PDB file of N, CA and C in Angstrom:
ATOM      1  N   MET A   1      76.232  41.695 -74.818  1.00  0.00           N
ATOM      2  CA  MET A   1      76.522  42.689 -75.811  1.00  0.00           C
ATOM      3  C   MET A   1      75.795  43.979 -75.464  1.00  0.00           C
ATOM      4  N   SER A   2      76.492  45.077 -75.605  1.00  0.00           N
ATOM      5  CA  SER A   2      75.843  46.352 -75.305  1.00  0.00           C
ATOM      6  C   SER A   2      74.909  46.753 -76.446  1.00  0.00           C
ATOM      7  N   LYS A   3      73.994  47.631 -76.121  1.00  0.00           N
ATOM      8  CA  LYS A   3      72.996  48.073 -77.095  1.00  0.00           C
ATOM      9  C   LYS A   3      73.650  48.756 -78.296  1.00  0.00           C
ATOM     10  N   GLU A   4      74.649  49.554 -78.061  1.00  0.00           N
ATOM     11  CA  GLU A   4      75.300  50.272 -79.142  1.00  0.00           C
ATOM     12  C   GLU A   4      76.068  49.326 -80.066  1.00  0.00           C
ATOM     13  N   LEU A   5      76.650  48.297 -79.508  1.00  0.00           N
ATOM     14  CA  LEU A   5      77.438  47.373 -80.316  1.00  0.00           C
ATOM     15  C   LEU A   5      76.566  46.644 -81.331  1.00  0.00           C
ATOM     16  N   VAL A   6      75.380  46.251 -80.928  1.00  0.00           N
ATOM     17  CA  VAL A   6      74.478  45.558 -81.857  1.00  0.00           C
ATOM     18  C   VAL A   6      74.093  46.488 -82.998  1.00  0.00           C
ATOM     19  N   GLY A   7      73.786  47.735 -82.703  1.00  0.00           N
ATOM     20  CA  GLY A   7      73.445  48.695 -83.743  1.00  0.00           C
ATOM     21  C   GLY A   7      74.592  48.940 -84.703  1.00  0.00           C
ATOM     22  N   ILE A   8      75.795  49.031 -84.160  1.00  0.00           N
ATOM     23  CA  ILE A   8      76.973  49.238 -85.001  1.00  0.00           C
ATOM     24  C   ILE A   8      77.217  48.021 -85.880  1.00  0.00           C
ATOM     25  N   LEU A   9      77.029  46.832 -85.346  1.00  0.00           N
ATOM     26  CA  LEU A   9      77.188  45.617 -86.149  1.00  0.00           C
ATOM     27  C   LEU A   9      76.144  45.535 -87.257  1.00  0.00           C
ATOM     28  N   LEU A  10      74.920  45.967 -86.974  1.00  0.00           N
ATOM     29  CA  LEU A  10      73.897  45.988 -88.022  1.00  0.00           C
ATOM     30  C   LEU A  10      74.257  46.988 -89.117  1.00  0.00           C
ATOM     31  N   LEU A  11      74.793  48.135 -88.740  1.00  0.00           N
ATOM     32  CA  LEU A  11      75.223  49.098 -89.753  1.00  0.00           C
ATOM     33  C   LEU A  11      76.399  48.573 -90.566  1.00  0.00           C
ATOM     34  N   ALA A  12      77.306  47.864 -89.917  1.00  0.00           N
ATOM     35  CA  ALA A  12      78.427  47.262 -90.641  1.00  0.00           C
ATOM     36  C   ALA A  12      77.926  46.199 -91.615  1.00  0.00           C
ATOM     37  N   LEU A  13      76.963  45.409 -91.189  1.00  0.00           N
ATOM     38  CA  LEU A  13      76.370  44.411 -92.076  1.00  0.00           C
ATOM     39  C   LEU A  13      75.703  45.080 -93.270  1.00  0.00           C
ATOM     40  N   ALA A  14      75.014  46.182 -93.030  1.00  0.00           N
ATOM     41  CA  ALA A  14      74.373  46.918 -94.120  1.00  0.00           C
ATOM     42  C   ALA A  14      75.413  47.438 -95.112  1.00  0.00           C
ATOM     43  N   GLY A  15      76.516  47.917 -94.621  1.00  0.00           N
ATOM     44  CA  GLY A  15      77.589  48.376 -95.506  1.00  0.00           C
ATOM     45  C   GLY A  15      78.186  47.245 -96.320  1.00  0.00           C
ATOM     46  N   PHE A  16      78.372  46.118 -95.691  1.00  0.00           N
ATOM     47  CA  PHE A  16      78.884  44.935 -96.388  1.00  0.00           C
ATOM     48  C   PHE A  16      77.914  44.507 -97.488  1.00  0.00           C
ATOM     49  N   LEU A  17      76.626  44.496 -97.171  1.00  0.00           N
ATOM     50  CA  LEU A  17      75.630  44.117 -98.160  1.00  0.00           C
ATOM     51  C   LEU A  17      75.535  45.148 -99.278  1.00  0.00           C
ATOM     52  N   ALA A  18      75.673  46.426 -98.956  1.00  0.00           N
ATOM     53  CA  ALA A  18      75.658  47.467 -99.988  1.00  0.00           C
ATOM     54  C   ALA A  18      76.852  47.306-100.931  1.00  0.00           C
ATOM     55  N   GLY A  19      77.981  46.907-100.413  1.00  0.00           N
ATOM     56  CA  GLY A  19      79.134  46.608-101.269  1.00  0.00           C
ATOM     57  C   GLY A  19      78.847  45.436-102.183  1.00  0.00           C
ATOM     58  N   GLY A  20      78.124  44.457-101.687  1.00  0.00           N
ATOM     59  CA  GLY A  20      77.725  43.335-102.532  1.00  0.00           C
ATOM     60  C   GLY A  20      76.784  43.761-103.637  1.00  0.00           C
ATOM     61  N   VAL A  21      75.892  44.689-103.323  1.00  0.00           N
ATOM     62  CA  VAL A  21      74.991  45.226-104.349  1.00  0.00           C
ATOM     63  C   VAL A  21      75.810  45.917-105.426  1.00  0.00           C
ATOM     64  N   TYR A  22      76.748  46.719-105.022  1.00  0.00           N
ATOM     65  CA  TYR A  22      77.580  47.466-105.977  1.00  0.00           C
ATOM     66  C   TYR A  22      78.384  46.526-106.873  1.00  0.00           C
ATOM     67  N   SER A  23      78.918  45.466-106.289  1.00  0.00           N
ATOM     68  CA  SER A  23      79.788  44.589-107.065  1.00  0.00           C
ATOM     69  C   SER A  23      79.024  43.596-107.937  1.00  0.00           C
ATOM     70  N   THR A  24      77.777  43.282-107.615  1.00  0.00           N
ATOM     71  CA  THR A  24      77.044  42.294-108.409  1.00  0.00           C
ATOM     72  C   THR A  24      75.999  42.898-109.327  1.00  0.00           C
ATOM     73  N   TYR A  25      75.810  44.206-109.298  1.00  0.00           N
ATOM     74  CA  TYR A  25      74.707  44.802-110.047  1.00  0.00           C
ATOM     75  C   TYR A  25      74.818  44.573-111.557  1.00  0.00           C
ATOM     76  N   LYS A  26      76.012  44.697-112.122  1.00  0.00           N
ATOM     77  CA  LYS A  26      76.156  44.573-113.572  1.00  0.00           C
ATOM     78  C   LYS A  26      76.006  43.131-114.053  1.00  0.00           C
ATOM     79  N   THR A  27      76.355  42.163-113.232  1.00  0.00           N
ATOM     80  CA  THR A  27      76.322  40.779-113.699  1.00  0.00           C
ATOM     81  C   THR A  27      75.085  40.019-113.251  1.00  0.00           C
ATOM     82  N   ALA A  28      74.596  40.272-112.059  1.00  0.00           N
ATOM     83  CA  ALA A  28      73.463  39.509-111.521  1.00  0.00           C
ATOM     84  C   ALA A  28      72.508  40.472-110.834  1.00  0.00           C
ATOM     85  N   LYS A  29      71.613  41.044-111.606  1.00  0.00           N
ATOM     86  CA  LYS A  29      70.711  42.074-111.077  1.00  0.00           C
ATOM     87  C   LYS A  29      69.719  41.525-110.055  1.00  0.00           C
ATOM     88  N   ILE A  30      69.298  40.281-110.207  1.00  0.00           N
ATOM     89  CA  ILE A  30      68.339  39.700-109.262  1.00  0.00           C
ATOM     90  C   ILE A  30      68.997  39.511-107.894  1.00  0.00           C
ATOM     91  N   ILE A  31      70.199  38.992-107.891  1.00  0.00           N
ATOM     92  CA  ILE A  31      70.921  38.816-106.622  1.00  0.00           C
ATOM     93  C   ILE A  31      71.204  40.179-106.000  1.00  0.00           C
ATOM     94  N   ALA A  32      71.547  41.151-106.825  1.00  0.00           N
ATOM     95  CA  ALA A  32      71.783  42.502-106.315  1.00  0.00           C
ATOM     96  C   ALA A  32      70.511  43.065-105.683  1.00  0.00           C
ATOM     97  N   GLY A  33      69.375  42.752-106.248  1.00  0.00           N
ATOM     98  CA  GLY A  33      68.111  43.204-105.669  1.00  0.00           C
ATOM     99  C   GLY A  33      67.862  42.591-104.307  1.00  0.00           C
ATOM    100  N   PHE A  34      68.137  41.293-104.178  1.00  0.00           N
ATOM    101  CA  PHE A  34      67.984  40.643-102.878  1.00  0.00           C
ATOM    102  C   PHE A  34      68.962  41.217-101.851  1.00  0.00           C
ATOM    103  N   LEU A  35      70.177  41.483-102.285  1.00  0.00           N
ATOM    104  CA  LEU A  35      71.156  42.082-101.375  1.00  0.00           C
ATOM    105  C   LEU A  35      70.732  43.485-100.959  1.00  0.00           C
ATOM    106  N   LEU A  36      70.137  44.227-101.892  1.00  0.00           N
ATOM    107  CA  LEU A  36      69.657  45.567-101.567  1.00  0.00           C
ATOM    108  C   LEU A  36      68.548  45.521-100.523  1.00  0.00           C
ATOM    109  N   ILE A  37      67.632  44.584-100.689  1.00  0.00           N
ATOM    110  CA  ILE A  37      66.558  44.433 -99.696  1.00  0.00           C
ATOM    111  C   ILE A  37      67.140  44.077 -98.336  1.00  0.00           C
ATOM    112  N   ALA A  38      68.119  43.171 -98.314  1.00  0.00           N
ATOM    113  CA  ALA A  38      68.743  42.790 -97.051  1.00  0.00           C
ATOM    114  C   ALA A  38      69.482  43.973 -96.423  1.00  0.00           C
ATOM    115  N   ALA A  39      70.146  44.786 -97.244  1.00  0.00           N
ATOM    116  CA  ALA A  39      70.847  45.965 -96.720  1.00  0.00           C
ATOM    117  C   ALA A  39      69.861  46.965 -96.131  1.00  0.00           C
ATOM    118  N   LEU A  40      68.741  47.170 -96.809  1.00  0.00           N
ATOM    119  CA  LEU A  40      67.743  48.091 -96.284  1.00  0.00           C
ATOM    120  C   LEU A  40      67.128  47.574 -94.984  1.00  0.00           C
ATOM    121  N   LEU A  41      66.918  46.279 -94.898  1.00  0.00           N
ATOM    122  CA  LEU A  41      66.409  45.704 -93.648  1.00  0.00           C
ATOM    123  C   LEU A  41      67.420  45.863 -92.515  1.00  0.00           C
ATOM    124  N   ALA A  42      68.700  45.701 -92.823  1.00  0.00           N
ATOM    125  CA  ALA A  42      69.725  45.867 -91.797  1.00  0.00           C
ATOM    126  C   ALA A  42      69.796  47.313 -91.316  1.00  0.00           C
ATOM    127  N   VAL A  43      69.689  48.265 -92.230  1.00  0.00           N
ATOM    128  CA  VAL A  43      69.694  49.674 -91.836  1.00  0.00           C
ATOM    129  C   VAL A  43      68.463  49.980 -90.999  1.00  0.00           C
ATOM    130  N   GLY A  44      67.304  49.498 -91.443  1.00  0.00           N
ATOM    131  CA  GLY A  44      66.084  49.716 -90.672  1.00  0.00           C
ATOM    132  C   GLY A  44      66.157  49.090 -89.294  1.00  0.00           C
ATOM    133  N   GLY A  45      66.727  47.895 -89.215  1.00  0.00           N
ATOM    134  CA  GLY A  45      66.897  47.247 -87.919  1.00  0.00           C
ATOM    135  C   GLY A  45      67.831  48.022 -87.009  1.00  0.00           C
ATOM    136  N   ALA A  46      68.894  48.577 -87.583  1.00  0.00           N
ATOM    137  CA  ALA A  46      69.831  49.362 -86.778  1.00  0.00           C
ATOM    138  C   ALA A  46      69.167  50.621 -86.249  1.00  0.00           C
ATOM    139  N   VAL A  47      68.391  51.277 -87.110  1.00  0.00           N
ATOM    140  CA  VAL A  47      67.708  52.496 -86.669  1.00  0.00           C
ATOM    141  C   VAL A  47      66.713  52.169 -85.563  1.00  0.00           C
ATOM    142  N   LEU A  48      65.939  51.111 -85.767  1.00  0.00           N
ATOM    143  CA  LEU A  48      64.978  50.724 -84.725  1.00  0.00           C
ATOM    144  C   LEU A  48      65.685  50.297 -83.446  1.00  0.00           C
ATOM    145  N   TRP A  49      66.840  49.660 -83.569  1.00  0.00           N
ATOM    146  CA  TRP A  49      67.590  49.234 -82.392  1.00  0.00           C
ATOM    147  C   TRP A  49      68.074  50.443 -81.599  1.00  0.00           C
ATOM    148  N   PHE A  50      68.555  51.474 -82.297  1.00  0.00           N
ATOM    149  CA  PHE A  50      69.030  52.666 -81.614  1.00  0.00           C
ATOM    150  C   PHE A  50      67.875  53.448 -80.993  1.00  0.00           C
ATOM    151  N   VAL A  51      66.744  53.510 -81.675  1.00  0.00           N
ATOM    152  CA  VAL A  51      65.597  54.278 -81.186  1.00  0.00           C
ATOM    153  C   VAL A  51      64.930  53.574 -79.998  1.00  0.00           C
ATOM    154  N   GLY A  52      64.825  52.248 -80.113  1.00  0.00           N
ATOM    155  CA  GLY A  52      64.099  51.486 -79.089  1.00  0.00           C
ATOM    156  C   GLY A  52      64.820  51.254 -77.811  1.00  0.00           C
TER     157      GLY A  52
END
């Protein structure tokens, strides 16, 4: 896998998780919080992957 592809996949995962946060926030705030943390970790991982 190329370096750029992994970063793009991490950003796509972050977007998917952010959509989960949006869709579950009104009904399950705790799960939405966990999804938000996972989305932020995915974005941070993508940024570090591109920088490193």
